Amino acid sequence: MPDSSRIKLNDILRDERKTRSKLVALESGFYGTVAAQICELEEEKRKIDDIYSTKYAILEDELKTARKAIDNIVERRTAKIINLASLHSSSKPKDQKEIESMTPGEREFYNKLLQLMTGYRSQRMDRIFIKKEKQVVPLQPQVSRYHEPKENSSEGKKDINKEYIVVRLLKDIPTFVGADGRNYTLAKEDVAVLSAVNAKALINRNVAIQISVKR
């Protein structure tokens, strides 16, 4: 007869199917207990000399059922954890209850997935916005370590503070094509004088900060 103290894997599998996207709460040592349970059944089966006996057939069926159930449980829970990591990587609020329902091994798997997905999403978005900025906002040539653009003196001097902004770069920016058709590169910690439109675009994206220049 089946041992009543053993984990009822089919009941857990049934609950996992019912909850669909939610994880059934498992104890931290769940998988270790299941492994020991299966080893115990295999040991009992090995001790039976008559492989045609009813007891042998019962144990063999119980083993087969246990292996199939735990395989399905792992498959369903893995899919749910992947889905959770994907949702949370897009800055949606984390469901702490779902995380607490995981075993330590599952939580480690979830954290690695979340880190990987968050990094990938951030990298993709950075590349998209940088490309868009190149197309829509052509940057003026910059001179590293600060150099002011020249004014057109004969047409009445305009307020340079309104036309240009001095900025310091917070991160490297890939090589871009300036308004004059030449290639330029902005590196982290460079100080540059850019047109107000271009400078504000970088400041709004937290790529640069404005530097006040006293006159």
C-alpha atoms as a PDB file:
ATOM      1  CA  MET A   1       0.000   0.000   0.000  1.00  0.00           C
ATOM      2  CA  PRO A   2       1.233   3.566  -0.688  1.00  0.00           C
ATOM      3  CA  ASP A   3       2.786   5.368   2.297  1.00  0.00           C
ATOM      4  CA  SER A   4       0.368   8.109   3.425  1.00  0.00           C
ATOM      5  CA  SER A   5       3.280  10.234   4.669  1.00  0.00           C
ATOM      6  CA  ARG A   6       4.665  10.680   1.147  1.00  0.00           C
ATOM      7  CA  ILE A   7       4.091  13.885  -0.804  1.00  0.00           C
ATOM      8  CA  LYS A   8       1.007  13.589  -2.986  1.00  0.00           C
ATOM      9  CA  LEU A   9       2.532  14.795  -6.240  1.00  0.00           C
ATOM     10  CA  ASN A  10      -0.650  14.397  -8.276  1.00  0.00           C
ATOM     11  CA  ASP A  11      -2.479  16.744  -5.882  1.00  0.00           C
ATOM     12  CA  ILE A  12       0.238  19.389  -6.323  1.00  0.00           C
ATOM     13  CA  LEU A  13       0.134  18.953 -10.092  1.00  0.00           C
ATOM     14  CA  ARG A  14      -3.652  19.374 -10.059  1.00  0.00           C
ATOM     15  CA  ASP A  15      -3.291  22.620  -8.087  1.00  0.00           C
ATOM     16  CA  GLU A  16      -0.587  23.885 -10.468  1.00  0.00           C
ATOM     17  CA  ARG A  17      -2.961  23.326 -13.386  1.00  0.00           C
ATOM     18  CA  LYS A  18      -5.808  25.117 -11.607  1.00  0.00           C
ATOM     19  CA  THR A  19      -3.826  28.246 -10.771  1.00  0.00           C
ATOM     20  CA  ARG A  20      -2.551  28.661 -14.355  1.00  0.00           C
ATOM     21  CA  SER A  21      -0.186  31.653 -13.994  1.00  0.00           C
ATOM     22  CA  LYS A  22       0.208  31.537 -10.192  1.00  0.00           C
ATOM     23  CA  LEU A  23       2.676  29.316  -8.387  1.00  0.00           C
ATOM     24  CA  VAL A  24       1.573  26.856  -5.733  1.00  0.00           C
ATOM     25  CA  ALA A  25       3.532  27.559  -2.537  1.00  0.00           C
ATOM     26  CA  LEU A  26       6.108  24.828  -1.903  1.00  0.00           C
ATOM     27  CA  GLU A  27       8.322  24.216   1.111  1.00  0.00           C
ATOM     28  CA  SER A  28      12.005  25.050   0.663  1.00  0.00           C
ATOM     29  CA  GLY A  29      13.046  21.386   0.736  1.00  0.00           C
ATOM     30  CA  PHE A  30      10.307  20.146  -1.597  1.00  0.00           C
ATOM     31  CA  TYR A  31      12.519  18.853  -4.422  1.00  0.00           C
ATOM     32  CA  GLY A  32      14.948  17.174  -2.031  1.00  0.00           C
ATOM     33  CA  THR A  33      12.055  15.397  -0.323  1.00  0.00           C
ATOM     34  CA  VAL A  34      10.685  14.214  -3.666  1.00  0.00           C
ATOM     35  CA  ALA A  35      14.117  12.897  -4.692  1.00  0.00           C
ATOM     36  CA  ALA A  36      14.385  10.958  -1.432  1.00  0.00           C
ATOM     37  CA  GLN A  37      10.836   9.667  -1.890  1.00  0.00           C
ATOM     38  CA  ILE A  38      11.617   8.301  -5.364  1.00  0.00           C
ATOM     39  CA  CYS A  39      14.869   6.710  -4.119  1.00  0.00           C
ATOM     40  CA  GLU A  40      12.934   5.022  -1.330  1.00  0.00           C
ATOM     41  CA  LEU A  41      10.428   3.551  -3.798  1.00  0.00           C
ATOM     42  CA  GLU A  42      13.239   2.284  -6.027  1.00  0.00           C
ATOM     43  CA  GLU A  43      14.955   0.661  -3.048  1.00  0.00           C
ATOM     44  CA  GLU A  44      11.729  -1.066  -2.002  1.00  0.00           C
ATOM     45  CA  LYS A  45      11.249  -2.378  -5.527  1.00  0.00           C
ATOM     46  CA  ARG A  46      14.823  -3.763  -5.645  1.00  0.00           C
ATOM     47  CA  LYS A  47      14.205  -5.784  -2.490  1.00  0.00           C
ATOM     48  CA  ILE A  48      11.326  -7.730  -4.107  1.00  0.00           C
ATOM     49  CA  ASP A  49      12.522 -10.985  -5.686  1.00  0.00           C
ATOM     50  CA  ASP A  50       9.292 -11.811  -7.494  1.00  0.00           C
ATOM     51  CA  ILE A  51       8.941  -9.238 -10.266  1.00  0.00           C
ATOM     52  CA  TYR A  52       5.546 -10.682 -11.110  1.00  0.00           C
ATOM     53  CA  SER A  53       4.120 -10.091  -7.651  1.00  0.00           C
ATOM     54  CA  THR A  54       1.325  -7.628  -6.925  1.00  0.00           C
ATOM     55  CA  LYS A  55       3.544  -5.597  -4.567  1.00  0.00           C
ATOM     56  CA  TYR A  56       6.207  -5.201  -7.272  1.00  0.00           C
ATOM     57  CA  ALA A  57       3.573  -4.057  -9.785  1.00  0.00           C
ATOM     58  CA  ILE A  58       2.150  -1.530  -7.297  1.00  0.00           C
ATOM     59  CA  LEU A  59       5.588  -0.047  -6.570  1.00  0.00           C
ATOM     60  CA  GLU A  60       6.467   0.116 -10.254  1.00  0.00           C
ATOM     61  CA  ASP A  61       3.208   1.930 -11.006  1.00  0.00           C
ATOM     62  CA  GLU A  62       3.760   4.306  -8.083  1.00  0.00           C
ATOM     63  CA  LEU A  63       7.265   5.102  -9.350  1.00  0.00           C
ATOM     64  CA  LYS A  64       6.048   5.709 -12.876  1.00  0.00           C
ATOM     65  CA  THR A  65       3.278   8.007 -11.606  1.00  0.00           C
ATOM     66  CA  ALA A  66       5.683   9.930  -9.342  1.00  0.00           C
ATOM     67  CA  ARG A  67       8.233  10.505 -12.122  1.00  0.00           C
ATOM     68  CA  LYS A  68       5.566  11.708 -14.552  1.00  0.00           C
ATOM     69  CA  ALA A  69       3.983  14.007 -11.952  1.00  0.00           C
ATOM     70  CA  ILE A  70       7.237  15.662 -10.866  1.00  0.00           C
ATOM     71  CA  ASP A  71       8.265  16.123 -14.516  1.00  0.00           C
ATOM     72  CA  ASN A  72       4.979  17.954 -15.202  1.00  0.00           C
ATOM     73  CA  ILE A  73       5.267  20.018 -12.019  1.00  0.00           C
ATOM     74  CA  VAL A  74       8.776  21.195 -12.953  1.00  0.00           C
ATOM     75  CA  GLU A  75       7.678  21.987 -16.516  1.00  0.00           C
ATOM     76  CA  ARG A  76       4.675  24.047 -15.414  1.00  0.00           C
ATOM     77  CA  ARG A  77       6.493  25.907 -12.656  1.00  0.00           C
ATOM     78  CA  THR A  78       9.420  26.714 -14.981  1.00  0.00           C
ATOM     79  CA  ALA A  79       7.028  28.262 -17.519  1.00  0.00           C
ATOM     80  CA  LYS A  80       5.360  30.326 -14.777  1.00  0.00           C
ATOM     81  CA  ILE A  81       8.720  31.564 -13.428  1.00  0.00           C
ATOM     82  CA  ILE A  82       9.858  32.603 -16.927  1.00  0.00           C
ATOM     83  CA  ASN A  83       6.601  34.515 -17.400  1.00  0.00           C
ATOM     84  CA  LEU A  84       6.998  36.276 -14.034  1.00  0.00           C
ATOM     85  CA  ALA A  85      10.593  37.297 -14.824  1.00  0.00           C
ATOM     86  CA  SER A  86       9.465  38.691 -18.183  1.00  0.00           C
ATOM     87  CA  LEU A  87       6.688  40.752 -16.565  1.00  0.00           C
ATOM     88  CA  HIS A  88       8.932  42.090 -13.818  1.00  0.00           C
ATOM     89  CA  SER A  89      11.741  42.987 -16.253  1.00  0.00           C
ATOM     90  CA  SER A  90       9.419  45.550 -17.858  1.00  0.00           C
ATOM     91  CA  SER A  91       9.201  47.539 -14.590  1.00  0.00           C
ATOM     92  CA  LYS A  92       5.818  46.121 -13.606  1.00  0.00           C
ATOM     93  CA  PRO A  93       5.339  45.780  -9.806  1.00  0.00           C
ATOM     94  CA  LYS A  94       6.675  42.530  -8.409  1.00  0.00           C
ATOM     95  CA  ASP A  95       4.221  40.123  -6.828  1.00  0.00           C
ATOM     96  CA  GLN A  96       6.090  39.289  -3.627  1.00  0.00           C
ATOM     97  CA  LYS A  97       3.676  36.466  -2.815  1.00  0.00           C
ATOM     98  CA  GLU A  98       4.613  34.684  -6.050  1.00  0.00           C
ATOM     99  CA  ILE A  99       8.321  34.996  -5.249  1.00  0.00           C
ATOM    100  CA  GLU A 100       7.765  33.645  -1.734  1.00  0.00           C
ATOM    101  CA  SER A 101       5.994  30.616  -3.242  1.00  0.00           C
ATOM    102  CA  MET A 102       9.237  29.552  -4.953  1.00  0.00           C
ATOM    103  CA  THR A 103      11.797  27.153  -3.533  1.00  0.00           C
ATOM    104  CA  PRO A 104      15.350  28.555  -3.050  1.00  0.00           C
ATOM    105  CA  GLY A 105      16.499  26.932  -6.309  1.00  0.00           C
ATOM    106  CA  GLU A 106      13.542  28.367  -8.212  1.00  0.00           C
ATOM    107  CA  ARG A 107      14.173  31.800  -6.720  1.00  0.00           C
ATOM    108  CA  GLU A 108      17.786  31.674  -7.876  1.00  0.00           C
ATOM    109  CA  PHE A 109      16.620  30.710 -11.378  1.00  0.00           C
ATOM    110  CA  TYR A 110      14.086  33.579 -11.329  1.00  0.00           C
ATOM    111  CA  ASN A 111      16.695  36.159 -10.213  1.00  0.00           C
ATOM    112  CA  LYS A 112      19.129  35.123 -12.960  1.00  0.00           C
ATOM    113  CA  LEU A 113      16.374  35.332 -15.569  1.00  0.00           C
ATOM    114  CA  LEU A 114      15.220  38.728 -14.280  1.00  0.00           C
ATOM    115  CA  GLN A 115      18.758  40.113 -14.431  1.00  0.00           C
ATOM    116  CA  LEU A 116      19.280  38.753 -17.946  1.00  0.00           C
ATOM    117  CA  MET A 117      15.932  40.043 -19.267  1.00  0.00           C
ATOM    118  CA  THR A 118      16.285  43.468 -17.607  1.00  0.00           C
ATOM    119  CA  GLY A 119      19.788  43.914 -19.050  1.00  0.00           C
ATOM    120  CA  TYR A 120      18.683  42.838 -22.517  1.00  0.00           C
ATOM    121  CA  ARG A 121      15.632  45.143 -22.480  1.00  0.00           C
ATOM    122  CA  SER A 122      17.712  48.107 -21.295  1.00  0.00           C
ATOM    123  CA  GLN A 123      20.344  47.478 -23.968  1.00  0.00           C
ATOM    124  CA  ARG A 124      17.725  47.263 -26.714  1.00  0.00           C
ATOM    125  CA  MET A 125      15.988  50.479 -25.617  1.00  0.00           C
ATOM    126  CA  ASP A 126      19.266  52.396 -25.356  1.00  0.00           C
ATOM    127  CA  ARG A 127      20.204  51.438 -28.907  1.00  0.00           C
ATOM    128  CA  ILE A 128      16.763  52.354 -30.240  1.00  0.00           C
ATOM    129  CA  PHE A 129      16.755  55.811 -28.635  1.00  0.00           C
ATOM    130  CA  ILE A 130      20.339  56.592 -29.589  1.00  0.00           C
ATOM    131  CA  LYS A 131      19.576  55.681 -33.225  1.00  0.00           C
ATOM    132  CA  LYS A 132      16.412  57.813 -33.148  1.00  0.00           C
ATOM    133  CA  GLU A 133      18.346  60.733 -31.717  1.00  0.00           C
ATOM    134  CA  LYS A 134      20.930  60.502 -34.502  1.00  0.00           C
ATOM    135  CA  GLN A 135      18.224  60.678 -37.146  1.00  0.00           C
ATOM    136  CA  VAL A 136      16.045  63.400 -35.632  1.00  0.00           C
ATOM    137  CA  VAL A 137      18.549  65.617 -33.830  1.00  0.00           C
ATOM    138  CA  PRO A 138      21.835  66.087 -35.731  1.00  0.00           C
ATOM    139  CA  LEU A 139      24.526  67.040 -33.227  1.00  0.00           C
ATOM    140  CA  GLN A 140      26.901  69.945 -33.780  1.00  0.00           C
ATOM    141  CA  PRO A 141      30.655  69.315 -33.780  1.00  0.00           C
ATOM    142  CA  GLN A 142      31.960  69.165 -30.226  1.00  0.00           C
ATOM    143  CA  VAL A 143      35.366  70.059 -28.922  1.00  0.00           C
ATOM    144  CA  SER A 144      36.472  67.978 -25.967  1.00  0.00           C
ATOM    145  CA  ARG A 145      37.500  69.759 -22.776  1.00  0.00           C
ATOM    146  CA  TYR A 146      35.438  72.868 -23.608  1.00  0.00           C
ATOM    147  CA  HIS A 147      35.714  75.241 -26.492  1.00  0.00           C
ATOM    148  CA  GLU A 148      33.056  77.846 -27.360  1.00  0.00           C
ATOM    149  CA  PRO A 149      31.628  78.234 -30.876  1.00  0.00           C
ATOM    150  CA  LYS A 150      32.396  81.446 -32.752  1.00  0.00           C
ATOM    151  CA  GLU A 151      29.749  84.144 -33.197  1.00  0.00           C
ATOM    152  CA  ASN A 152      28.736  85.907 -36.400  1.00  0.00           C
ATOM    153  CA  SER A 153      29.782  89.407 -35.312  1.00  0.00           C
ATOM    154  CA  SER A 154      28.517  91.458 -38.266  1.00  0.00           C
ATOM    155  CA  GLU A 155      24.845  90.462 -37.987  1.00  0.00           C
ATOM    156  CA  GLY A 156      24.377  91.676 -34.457  1.00  0.00           C
ATOM    157  CA  LYS A 157      25.615  89.520 -31.610  1.00  0.00           C
ATOM    158  CA  LYS A 158      23.114  86.965 -30.342  1.00  0.00           C
ATOM    159  CA  ASP A 159      23.120  85.757 -26.749  1.00  0.00           C
ATOM    160  CA  ILE A 160      25.312  82.663 -26.940  1.00  0.00           C
ATOM    161  CA  ASN A 161      23.787  81.281 -23.742  1.00  0.00           C
ATOM    162  CA  LYS A 162      20.442  81.017 -25.564  1.00  0.00           C
ATOM    163  CA  GLU A 163      21.892  79.443 -28.715  1.00  0.00           C
ATOM    164  CA  TYR A 164      24.310  76.981 -27.099  1.00  0.00           C
ATOM    165  CA  ILE A 165      24.606  74.998 -23.871  1.00  0.00           C
ATOM    166  CA  VAL A 166      27.762  73.717 -22.234  1.00  0.00           C
ATOM    167  CA  VAL A 167      27.371  70.118 -21.082  1.00  0.00           C
ATOM    168  CA  ARG A 168      29.430  67.382 -19.461  1.00  0.00           C
ATOM    169  CA  LEU A 169      28.851  63.842 -20.750  1.00  0.00           C
ATOM    170  CA  LEU A 170      27.811  61.159 -18.236  1.00  0.00           C
ATOM    171  CA  LYS A 171      28.432  58.242 -20.580  1.00  0.00           C
ATOM    172  CA  ASP A 172      30.058  57.412 -23.893  1.00  0.00           C
ATOM    173  CA  ILE A 173      28.002  57.955 -27.051  1.00  0.00           C
ATOM    174  CA  PRO A 174      28.755  56.088 -30.286  1.00  0.00           C
ATOM    175  CA  THR A 175      30.260  58.017 -33.192  1.00  0.00           C
ATOM    176  CA  PHE A 176      27.688  60.254 -34.895  1.00  0.00           C
ATOM    177  CA  VAL A 177      27.568  62.369 -38.041  1.00  0.00           C
ATOM    178  CA  GLY A 178      27.503  66.088 -37.289  1.00  0.00           C
ATOM    179  CA  ALA A 179      25.712  68.820 -39.188  1.00  0.00           C
ATOM    180  CA  ASP A 180      28.857  69.383 -41.255  1.00  0.00           C
ATOM    181  CA  GLY A 181      28.910  65.765 -42.397  1.00  0.00           C
ATOM    182  CA  ARG A 182      31.953  64.849 -40.286  1.00  0.00           C
ATOM    183  CA  ASN A 183      32.079  62.029 -37.731  1.00  0.00           C
ATOM    184  CA  TYR A 184      32.349  62.938 -34.037  1.00  0.00           C
ATOM    185  CA  THR A 185      32.463  60.977 -30.802  1.00  0.00           C
ATOM    186  CA  LEU A 186      31.302  62.089 -27.351  1.00  0.00           C
ATOM    187  CA  ALA A 187      33.025  60.311 -24.486  1.00  0.00           C
ATOM    188  CA  LYS A 188      32.183  60.159 -20.801  1.00  0.00           C
ATOM    189  CA  GLU A 189      33.458  63.212 -18.848  1.00  0.00           C
ATOM    190  CA  ASP A 190      33.955  65.248 -22.040  1.00  0.00           C
ATOM    191  CA  VAL A 191      32.857  68.886 -21.791  1.00  0.00           C
ATOM    192  CA  ALA A 192      31.230  70.115 -24.982  1.00  0.00           C
ATOM    193  CA  VAL A 193      29.377  73.120 -26.373  1.00  0.00           C
ATOM    194  CA  LEU A 194      26.283  71.949 -28.252  1.00  0.00           C
ATOM    195  CA  SER A 195      23.315  73.677 -29.775  1.00  0.00           C
ATOM    196  CA  ALA A 196      20.522  74.147 -27.229  1.00  0.00           C
ATOM    197  CA  VAL A 197      18.233  71.645 -28.990  1.00  0.00           C
ATOM    198  CA  ASN A 198      20.849  68.909 -29.095  1.00  0.00           C
ATOM    199  CA  ALA A 199      22.126  69.548 -25.597  1.00  0.00           C
ATOM    200  CA  LYS A 200      18.630  69.441 -24.113  1.00  0.00           C
ATOM    201  CA  ALA A 201      17.955  66.151 -25.888  1.00  0.00           C
ATOM    202  CA  LEU A 202      20.978  64.612 -24.181  1.00  0.00           C
ATOM    203  CA  ILE A 203      20.136  66.175 -20.824  1.00  0.00           C
ATOM    204  CA  ASN A 204      16.553  64.873 -20.956  1.00  0.00           C
ATOM    205  CA  ARG A 205      17.895  61.361 -21.581  1.00  0.00           C
ATOM    206  CA  ASN A 206      20.278  61.656 -18.602  1.00  0.00           C
ATOM    207  CA  VAL A 207      23.234  61.279 -20.946  1.00  0.00           C
ATOM    208  CA  ALA A 208      24.654  64.705 -20.031  1.00  0.00           C
ATOM    209  CA  ILE A 209      24.288  67.503 -17.489  1.00  0.00           C
ATOM    210  CA  GLN A 210      24.379  71.247 -18.103  1.00  0.00           C
ATOM    211  CA  ILE A 211      27.364  73.250 -16.879  1.00  0.00           C
ATOM    212  CA  SER A 212      26.866  76.907 -16.004  1.00  0.00           C
ATOM    213  CA  VAL A 213      29.475  79.222 -17.456  1.00  0.00           C
ATOM    214  CA  LYS A 214      29.985  82.520 -15.644  1.00  0.00           C
ATOM    215  CA  ARG A 215      30.854  85.582 -17.724  1.00  0.00           C
END
